[in-house]
Amino acid sequence: MPTPRIPKPAARFALTLAISAAGGGVAALVGLPAAWIAGGLFAVAFASLAGVNTHFPRLLSQPVFLMLGIYSGSGVSQETLQQMQTWPASFAILGLSLVGLIAGSYWWLHGRCGWSRNDALLSSLPGALSFVVAAAENLKADMKKVAIAQSIRLLILVEAVPLIGFLVGHPADAIAATERPVAGILDLVLLIACGSAASLLFDRLNVPGAWMLGGLLASSTLLLSGAVDATIPDSVVVPCMIAIAAIAGSRFRPEDRAVLPYIIGPALGGFAIAVAFSAAGAILVTLLFGVSIVQTLLAFAPGALEALTVVAFQMSIDPAYVAAHHVVRFLALVIAVPILARWLGRGA
């Protein structure tokens, strides 16, 4: 009887997961915070650029984000509710840093590196690439250049934040989820059902990171109300972290090597400017409100909503604070991008 042939996409998918698992395993052995994400992302991105045609099915990303959202929601506590009174001022500082980082990155890419106005602006916007592409569909822009610049930002962010936490330390208090029992079948069904309902609603409303945020909101609500007192087992969490690393790392393609030398220098310069403005805002919030510097750096980081929310939880940092700031920044971009696109269109 002939051996059934494995479809090529399935083989690429399995190889991508294997590369991610190997990279994450090495990082875990070293003791890097959020090892399965940071190590897996680096391994898959490197393999992609080295010529491996990595692949992750888009359809499978939604359940991965949902489960990681439910997992991250376990880090929301009563202390989170008490700290929410400082969030409006923190959002305002985030807005100021957002204006600065977009203007600074645009000046660098357009004024100093000679990128077109459209390419420079779209590459300066922190995250929300899918929305940026949709909102600017009438602009003449090199979206390959924009996508690579945004992917470089994602890679550096996810690798740098755990390394900073490793070097300078992060909150030593264990998140409450570590003291909770592992969820049984009934708890899992309730968490997944409520998370799916919230995620579908957010997705319908075009909220960024809908499946991650839906799971986080449902999980935190159920835990704070006492309806559930359990956490997702590691046997589910670790494969999901391997998967999210594979999703992010497979954004790079083998053909990107040809244009990467021409993009990486300007992109790194723009990223450095973005980080400077983001860090300034994060430090100001830390000084004013006493929030952990690693927590504010994660919240003000220019992009990577889903990945950094999970990284926050892995590092014993309030994931709700981090996710809320990323969503607020996205909403600001929703308002700003069409206006900026219209301005660029008139100037073309």
Protein backbone atom coordinates (compact mmCIF):
# COMPACT_ATOMS: atom_id res chain seq x y z
CA MET A 1 0.00 0.00 0.00
CA PRO A 2 1.56 3.35 -1.04
CA THR A 3 2.47 5.80 1.70
CA PRO A 4 0.13 8.82 1.62
CA ARG A 5 1.90 11.99 0.54
CA ILE A 6 1.98 14.83 3.05
CA PRO A 7 0.77 18.08 1.46
CA LYS A 8 3.65 20.52 1.03
CA PRO A 9 2.07 23.27 3.21
CA ALA A 10 1.59 20.71 6.01
CA ALA A 11 5.26 19.72 5.82
CA ARG A 12 6.34 23.38 5.88
CA PHE A 13 4.05 24.00 8.85
CA ALA A 14 5.51 21.05 10.78
CA LEU A 15 9.06 22.18 10.02
CA THR A 16 8.26 25.73 11.14
CA LEU A 17 6.90 24.47 14.47
CA ALA A 18 9.94 22.23 14.94
CA ILE A 19 12.33 25.15 14.36
CA SER A 20 10.35 27.32 16.79
CA ALA A 21 10.31 24.58 19.44
CA ALA A 22 14.07 24.05 19.09
CA GLY A 23 14.83 27.78 19.44
CA GLY A 24 12.48 28.14 22.38
CA GLY A 25 13.94 25.07 24.07
CA VAL A 26 17.47 26.46 23.86
CA ALA A 27 16.32 29.83 25.25
CA ALA A 28 14.52 28.05 28.10
CA LEU A 29 17.69 26.14 28.98
CA VAL A 30 19.60 29.44 29.12
CA GLY A 31 16.95 30.87 31.45
CA LEU A 32 15.76 33.75 29.25
CA PRO A 33 12.38 35.23 30.31
CA ALA A 34 9.56 34.39 27.88
CA ALA A 35 11.98 31.88 26.38
CA TRP A 36 9.56 29.94 24.18
CA ILE A 37 8.51 33.12 22.38
CA ALA A 38 11.84 34.95 22.19
CA GLY A 39 13.89 31.89 21.26
CA GLY A 40 11.33 30.49 18.84
CA LEU A 41 10.83 33.80 17.04
CA PHE A 42 14.57 34.30 16.56
CA ALA A 43 15.03 30.74 15.27
CA VAL A 44 12.16 30.92 12.77
CA ALA A 45 13.11 34.40 11.53
CA PHE A 46 16.73 33.30 11.04
CA ALA A 47 15.66 30.12 9.26
CA SER A 48 13.29 32.08 7.01
CA LEU A 49 16.00 34.50 5.96
CA ALA A 50 18.45 31.61 5.51
CA GLY A 51 16.20 30.09 2.86
CA VAL A 52 13.68 27.91 4.71
CA ASN A 53 10.19 28.48 3.32
CA THR A 54 8.40 28.69 6.67
CA HIS A 55 4.62 28.59 6.92
CA PHE A 56 1.89 29.00 9.53
CA PRO A 57 -1.79 28.63 8.45
CA ARG A 58 -3.71 31.83 9.09
CA LEU A 59 -6.77 29.85 10.21
CA LEU A 60 -4.86 28.29 13.11
CA SER A 61 -3.60 31.60 14.48
CA GLN A 62 -6.96 32.53 15.99
CA PRO A 63 -7.20 29.62 18.48
CA VAL A 64 -3.55 30.20 19.41
CA PHE A 65 -4.22 33.85 20.24
CA LEU A 66 -7.41 32.89 22.10
CA MET A 67 -5.66 30.41 24.38
CA LEU A 68 -2.77 32.78 25.07
CA GLY A 69 -5.28 35.54 25.83
CA ILE A 70 -7.03 33.28 28.34
CA TYR A 71 -3.64 32.42 29.82
CA SER A 72 -2.58 36.08 30.06
CA GLY A 73 -5.89 37.01 31.70
CA SER A 74 -4.79 34.96 34.70
CA GLY A 75 -2.37 37.79 35.51
CA VAL A 76 -5.13 40.36 36.07
CA SER A 77 -5.73 40.93 39.79
CA GLN A 78 -7.57 43.22 42.19
CA GLU A 79 -4.43 45.37 42.17
CA THR A 80 -5.03 45.93 38.45
CA LEU A 81 -8.43 47.42 39.23
CA GLN A 82 -6.90 49.72 41.84
CA GLN A 83 -4.22 50.94 39.42
CA MET A 84 -6.70 51.78 36.64
CA GLN A 85 -7.15 55.28 38.06
CA THR A 86 -3.64 56.15 36.81
CA TRP A 87 -4.31 54.86 33.29
CA PRO A 88 -5.88 58.02 31.74
CA ALA A 89 -2.77 60.09 32.54
CA SER A 90 -0.58 57.26 31.25
CA PHE A 91 -2.64 57.17 28.02
CA ALA A 92 -2.10 60.91 27.58
CA ILE A 93 1.66 60.52 27.91
CA LEU A 94 1.48 57.61 25.47
CA GLY A 95 -0.24 59.91 22.96
CA LEU A 96 2.51 62.52 23.23
CA SER A 97 5.22 59.91 22.76
CA LEU A 98 3.32 58.52 19.77
CA VAL A 99 3.35 61.91 18.02
CA GLY A 100 7.05 62.28 18.71
CA LEU A 101 8.06 58.82 17.51
CA ILE A 102 6.06 59.08 14.26
CA ALA A 103 7.43 62.55 13.50
CA GLY A 104 10.99 61.57 14.41
CA SER A 105 10.97 58.31 12.45
CA TYR A 106 9.38 60.02 9.44
CA TRP A 107 12.02 62.76 9.50
CA TRP A 108 14.78 60.14 9.58
CA LEU A 109 13.43 57.91 6.81
CA HIS A 110 12.27 60.69 4.48
CA GLY A 111 14.60 63.57 5.27
CA ARG A 112 17.82 61.68 5.99
CA CYS A 113 17.48 58.34 4.19
CA GLY A 114 15.65 59.53 1.07
CA TRP A 115 12.63 57.23 1.36
CA SER A 116 9.47 58.46 -0.35
CA ARG A 117 6.97 60.27 1.86
CA ASN A 118 4.51 57.35 1.68
CA ASP A 119 7.10 54.67 2.49
CA ALA A 120 8.54 56.76 5.32
CA LEU A 121 5.21 57.44 6.98
CA LEU A 122 3.85 53.89 6.74
CA SER A 123 7.12 52.49 8.08
CA SER A 124 7.06 54.96 11.00
CA LEU A 125 3.64 53.90 12.30
CA PRO A 126 4.12 51.57 15.31
CA GLY A 127 2.37 48.28 14.63
CA ALA A 128 -1.10 47.72 13.13
CA LEU A 129 0.42 46.85 9.74
CA SER A 130 -2.75 45.22 8.39
CA PHE A 131 -4.79 48.34 9.17
CA VAL A 132 -2.10 50.63 7.75
CA VAL A 133 -2.11 48.68 4.48
CA ALA A 134 -5.91 48.78 4.25
CA ALA A 135 -6.19 52.46 5.11
CA ALA A 136 -3.47 53.50 2.70
CA GLU A 137 -4.47 51.27 -0.21
CA ASN A 138 -4.77 54.30 -2.53
CA LEU A 139 -1.23 55.46 -1.79
CA LYS A 140 1.67 54.52 -4.03
CA ALA A 141 3.96 52.84 -1.54
CA ASP A 142 6.47 49.99 -1.54
CA MET A 143 4.57 47.71 0.84
CA LYS A 144 7.37 45.13 0.74
CA LYS A 145 9.71 47.74 2.20
CA VAL A 146 7.10 48.74 4.78
CA ALA A 147 6.38 45.14 5.80
CA ILE A 148 10.08 44.31 6.25
CA ALA A 149 10.67 47.47 8.29
CA GLN A 150 7.72 46.59 10.54
CA SER A 151 8.89 42.96 10.87
CA ILE A 152 12.37 44.08 11.92
CA ARG A 153 10.73 46.19 14.65
CA LEU A 154 8.70 43.19 15.87
CA LEU A 155 11.75 40.92 15.98
CA ILE A 156 13.85 43.38 17.95
CA LEU A 157 11.09 44.18 20.43
CA VAL A 158 10.30 40.58 21.30
CA GLU A 159 13.99 39.73 21.65
CA ALA A 160 15.08 42.86 23.52
CA VAL A 161 12.43 43.10 26.25
CA PRO A 162 13.07 39.64 27.80
CA LEU A 163 16.81 40.33 27.59
CA ILE A 164 16.35 43.62 29.46
CA GLY A 165 14.28 41.81 32.07
CA PHE A 166 17.00 39.18 32.33
CA LEU A 167 19.73 41.81 32.84
CA VAL A 168 18.00 44.37 35.08
CA GLY A 169 15.50 42.08 36.72
CA HIS A 170 11.72 42.15 36.74
CA PRO A 171 9.02 41.96 39.42
CA ALA A 172 9.80 39.08 41.72
CA ASP A 173 6.23 38.60 42.91
CA ALA A 174 4.72 35.57 41.25
CA ILE A 175 1.50 36.19 39.41
CA ALA A 176 -1.55 34.79 41.13
CA ALA A 177 -2.11 32.32 38.30
CA THR A 178 0.91 30.30 39.44
CA GLU A 179 -0.89 29.53 42.70
CA ARG A 180 -4.12 28.47 41.04
CA PRO A 181 -4.91 24.83 40.25
CA VAL A 182 -4.84 23.59 36.70
CA ALA A 183 -8.17 24.06 34.98
CA GLY A 184 -10.40 21.01 34.66
CA ILE A 185 -12.61 20.19 31.69
CA LEU A 186 -15.57 22.29 32.89
CA ASP A 187 -13.39 25.32 33.64
CA LEU A 188 -11.67 25.01 30.27
CA VAL A 189 -14.99 24.80 28.44
CA LEU A 190 -16.28 27.89 30.25
CA LEU A 191 -13.08 29.87 29.61
CA ILE A 192 -12.96 28.93 25.93
CA ALA A 193 -16.68 29.54 25.36
CA CYS A 194 -16.63 33.00 26.98
CA GLY A 195 -13.31 33.85 25.36
CA SER A 196 -14.59 32.86 21.93
CA ALA A 197 -17.75 34.94 22.33
CA ALA A 198 -15.77 38.03 23.39
CA SER A 199 -13.23 37.48 20.61
CA LEU A 200 -15.89 37.17 17.92
CA LEU A 201 -17.45 40.42 19.14
CA PHE A 202 -14.09 42.23 19.10
CA ASP A 203 -13.33 40.79 15.68
CA ARG A 204 -16.67 42.06 14.37
CA LEU A 205 -15.79 45.52 15.74
CA ASN A 206 -12.32 45.35 14.09
CA VAL A 207 -10.54 45.68 17.44
CA PRO A 208 -6.79 44.94 17.08
CA GLY A 209 -5.66 41.61 18.52
CA ALA A 210 -9.33 40.61 18.84
CA TRP A 211 -8.72 36.97 19.72
CA MET A 212 -6.00 37.73 22.23
CA LEU A 213 -8.00 40.50 23.92
CA GLY A 214 -11.23 38.51 23.92
CA GLY A 215 -9.56 35.65 25.75
CA LEU A 216 -7.86 38.04 28.16
CA LEU A 217 -11.08 39.90 28.99
CA ALA A 218 -13.12 36.72 29.46
CA SER A 219 -10.47 35.01 31.58
CA SER A 220 -9.83 38.02 33.83
CA THR A 221 -13.56 38.63 34.31
CA LEU A 222 -14.25 35.01 35.24
CA LEU A 223 -11.29 34.91 37.62
CA LEU A 224 -12.02 38.24 39.32
CA SER A 225 -15.69 37.29 39.77
CA GLY A 226 -14.77 33.94 41.27
CA ALA A 227 -16.64 31.96 38.62
CA VAL A 228 -13.36 30.22 37.76
CA ASP A 229 -10.27 29.76 39.90
CA ALA A 230 -7.87 27.88 37.65
CA THR A 231 -5.19 28.42 35.04
CA ILE A 232 -4.41 26.91 31.64
CA PRO A 233 -2.06 23.88 31.90
CA ASP A 234 1.50 24.16 30.61
CA SER A 235 0.76 21.32 28.19
CA VAL A 236 -1.47 23.80 26.32
CA VAL A 237 0.42 27.04 26.98
CA VAL A 238 3.87 25.96 25.78
CA PRO A 239 2.66 24.71 22.35
CA CYS A 240 0.74 27.98 21.93
CA MET A 241 3.86 30.01 22.71
CA ILE A 242 5.82 27.93 20.20
CA ALA A 243 3.05 28.66 17.69
CA ILE A 244 2.97 32.45 18.25
CA ALA A 245 6.75 32.55 17.78
CA ALA A 246 6.30 30.64 14.52
CA ILE A 247 3.58 33.05 13.38
CA ALA A 248 5.78 36.10 13.97
CA GLY A 249 8.98 34.56 12.63
CA SER A 250 7.38 33.37 9.40
CA ARG A 251 6.62 37.00 8.45
CA PHE A 252 10.15 36.99 7.03
CA ARG A 253 10.60 35.30 3.65
CA PRO A 254 13.72 33.89 1.92
CA GLU A 255 13.38 36.48 -0.87
CA ASP A 256 13.69 39.28 1.70
CA ARG A 257 17.45 38.72 1.75
CA ALA A 258 17.81 40.53 -1.57
CA VAL A 259 16.36 43.81 -0.27
CA LEU A 260 17.26 43.51 3.41
CA PRO A 261 20.71 45.19 3.07
CA TYR A 262 19.05 48.30 1.61
CA ILE A 263 16.30 48.44 4.24
CA ILE A 264 17.87 47.34 7.50
CA GLY A 265 20.04 50.45 8.09
CA PRO A 266 17.28 53.04 7.67
CA ALA A 267 14.78 50.77 9.46
CA LEU A 268 17.07 50.37 12.47
CA GLY A 269 17.59 54.14 12.61
CA GLY A 270 13.84 54.77 12.55
CA PHE A 271 13.33 52.08 15.17
CA ALA A 272 15.95 53.65 17.44
CA ILE A 273 14.14 56.99 17.26
CA ALA A 274 10.82 55.28 18.01
CA VAL A 275 12.34 53.49 21.00
CA ALA A 276 13.80 56.75 22.32
CA PHE A 277 10.40 58.49 22.34
CA SER A 278 8.67 55.39 23.72
CA ALA A 279 11.26 54.99 26.47
CA ALA A 280 10.97 58.67 27.40
CA GLY A 281 7.21 58.30 27.85
CA ALA A 282 7.64 55.05 29.80
CA ILE A 283 10.24 56.59 32.14
CA LEU A 284 7.99 59.60 32.76
CA VAL A 285 5.07 57.35 33.76
CA THR A 286 7.38 55.37 36.05
CA LEU A 287 8.60 58.55 37.74
CA LEU A 288 5.10 60.00 38.14
CA PHE A 289 3.15 56.92 39.19
CA GLY A 290 5.74 54.42 40.43
CA VAL A 291 4.86 51.78 37.82
CA SER A 292 7.62 49.25 37.15
CA ILE A 293 9.93 50.47 34.37
CA VAL A 294 9.83 47.10 32.60
CA GLN A 295 6.02 47.25 32.69
CA THR A 296 5.88 50.73 31.17
CA LEU A 297 8.50 49.82 28.55
CA LEU A 298 6.33 46.90 27.47
CA ALA A 299 3.21 49.09 27.40
CA PHE A 300 4.88 51.89 25.41
CA ALA A 301 6.80 49.56 23.06
CA PRO A 302 6.09 50.52 19.42
CA GLY A 303 4.19 47.44 18.24
CA ALA A 304 3.74 43.67 18.81
CA LEU A 305 0.49 43.70 20.82
CA GLU A 306 -0.11 39.93 20.99
CA ALA A 307 3.47 38.85 21.57
CA LEU A 308 4.27 41.48 24.20
CA THR A 309 1.05 40.81 26.13
CA VAL A 310 2.16 37.21 26.62
CA VAL A 311 5.74 38.31 27.35
CA ALA A 312 4.35 40.60 30.06
CA PHE A 313 2.52 37.75 31.75
CA GLN A 314 5.57 35.49 31.49
CA MET A 315 7.62 38.18 33.24
CA SER A 316 5.08 38.61 36.09
CA ILE A 317 3.92 41.96 34.67
CA ASP A 318 0.27 43.07 34.51
CA PRO A 319 -0.86 42.04 30.99
CA ALA A 320 -4.03 44.16 31.14
CA TYR A 321 -1.98 47.35 31.55
CA VAL A 322 0.24 46.41 28.61
CA ALA A 323 -2.64 45.37 26.33
CA ALA A 324 -4.72 48.45 27.17
CA HIS A 325 -1.94 50.82 26.12
CA HIS A 326 -1.37 49.00 22.85
CA VAL A 327 -5.09 49.13 22.05
CA VAL A 328 -5.27 52.85 22.85
CA ARG A 329 -2.32 53.49 20.55
CA PHE A 330 -4.04 51.51 17.79
CA LEU A 331 -7.24 53.53 18.19
CA ALA A 332 -5.19 56.72 17.89
CA LEU A 333 -3.71 55.36 14.66
CA VAL A 334 -7.20 54.49 13.37
CA ILE A 335 -8.04 58.19 13.64
CA ALA A 336 -4.69 59.52 12.43
CA VAL A 337 -3.86 57.26 9.47
CA PRO A 338 -6.72 58.30 7.14
CA ILE A 339 -5.92 61.97 7.83
CA LEU A 340 -2.22 61.44 7.16
CA ALA A 341 -2.97 59.37 4.06
CA ARG A 342 -5.17 62.17 2.70
CA TRP A 343 -2.39 64.69 3.37
CA LEU A 344 0.15 62.52 1.57
CA GLY A 345 -2.26 62.02 -1.31
CA ARG A 346 -2.62 65.77 -1.81
CA GLY A 347 1.12 66.21 -1.75
CA ALA A 348 1.76 63.49 -4.36
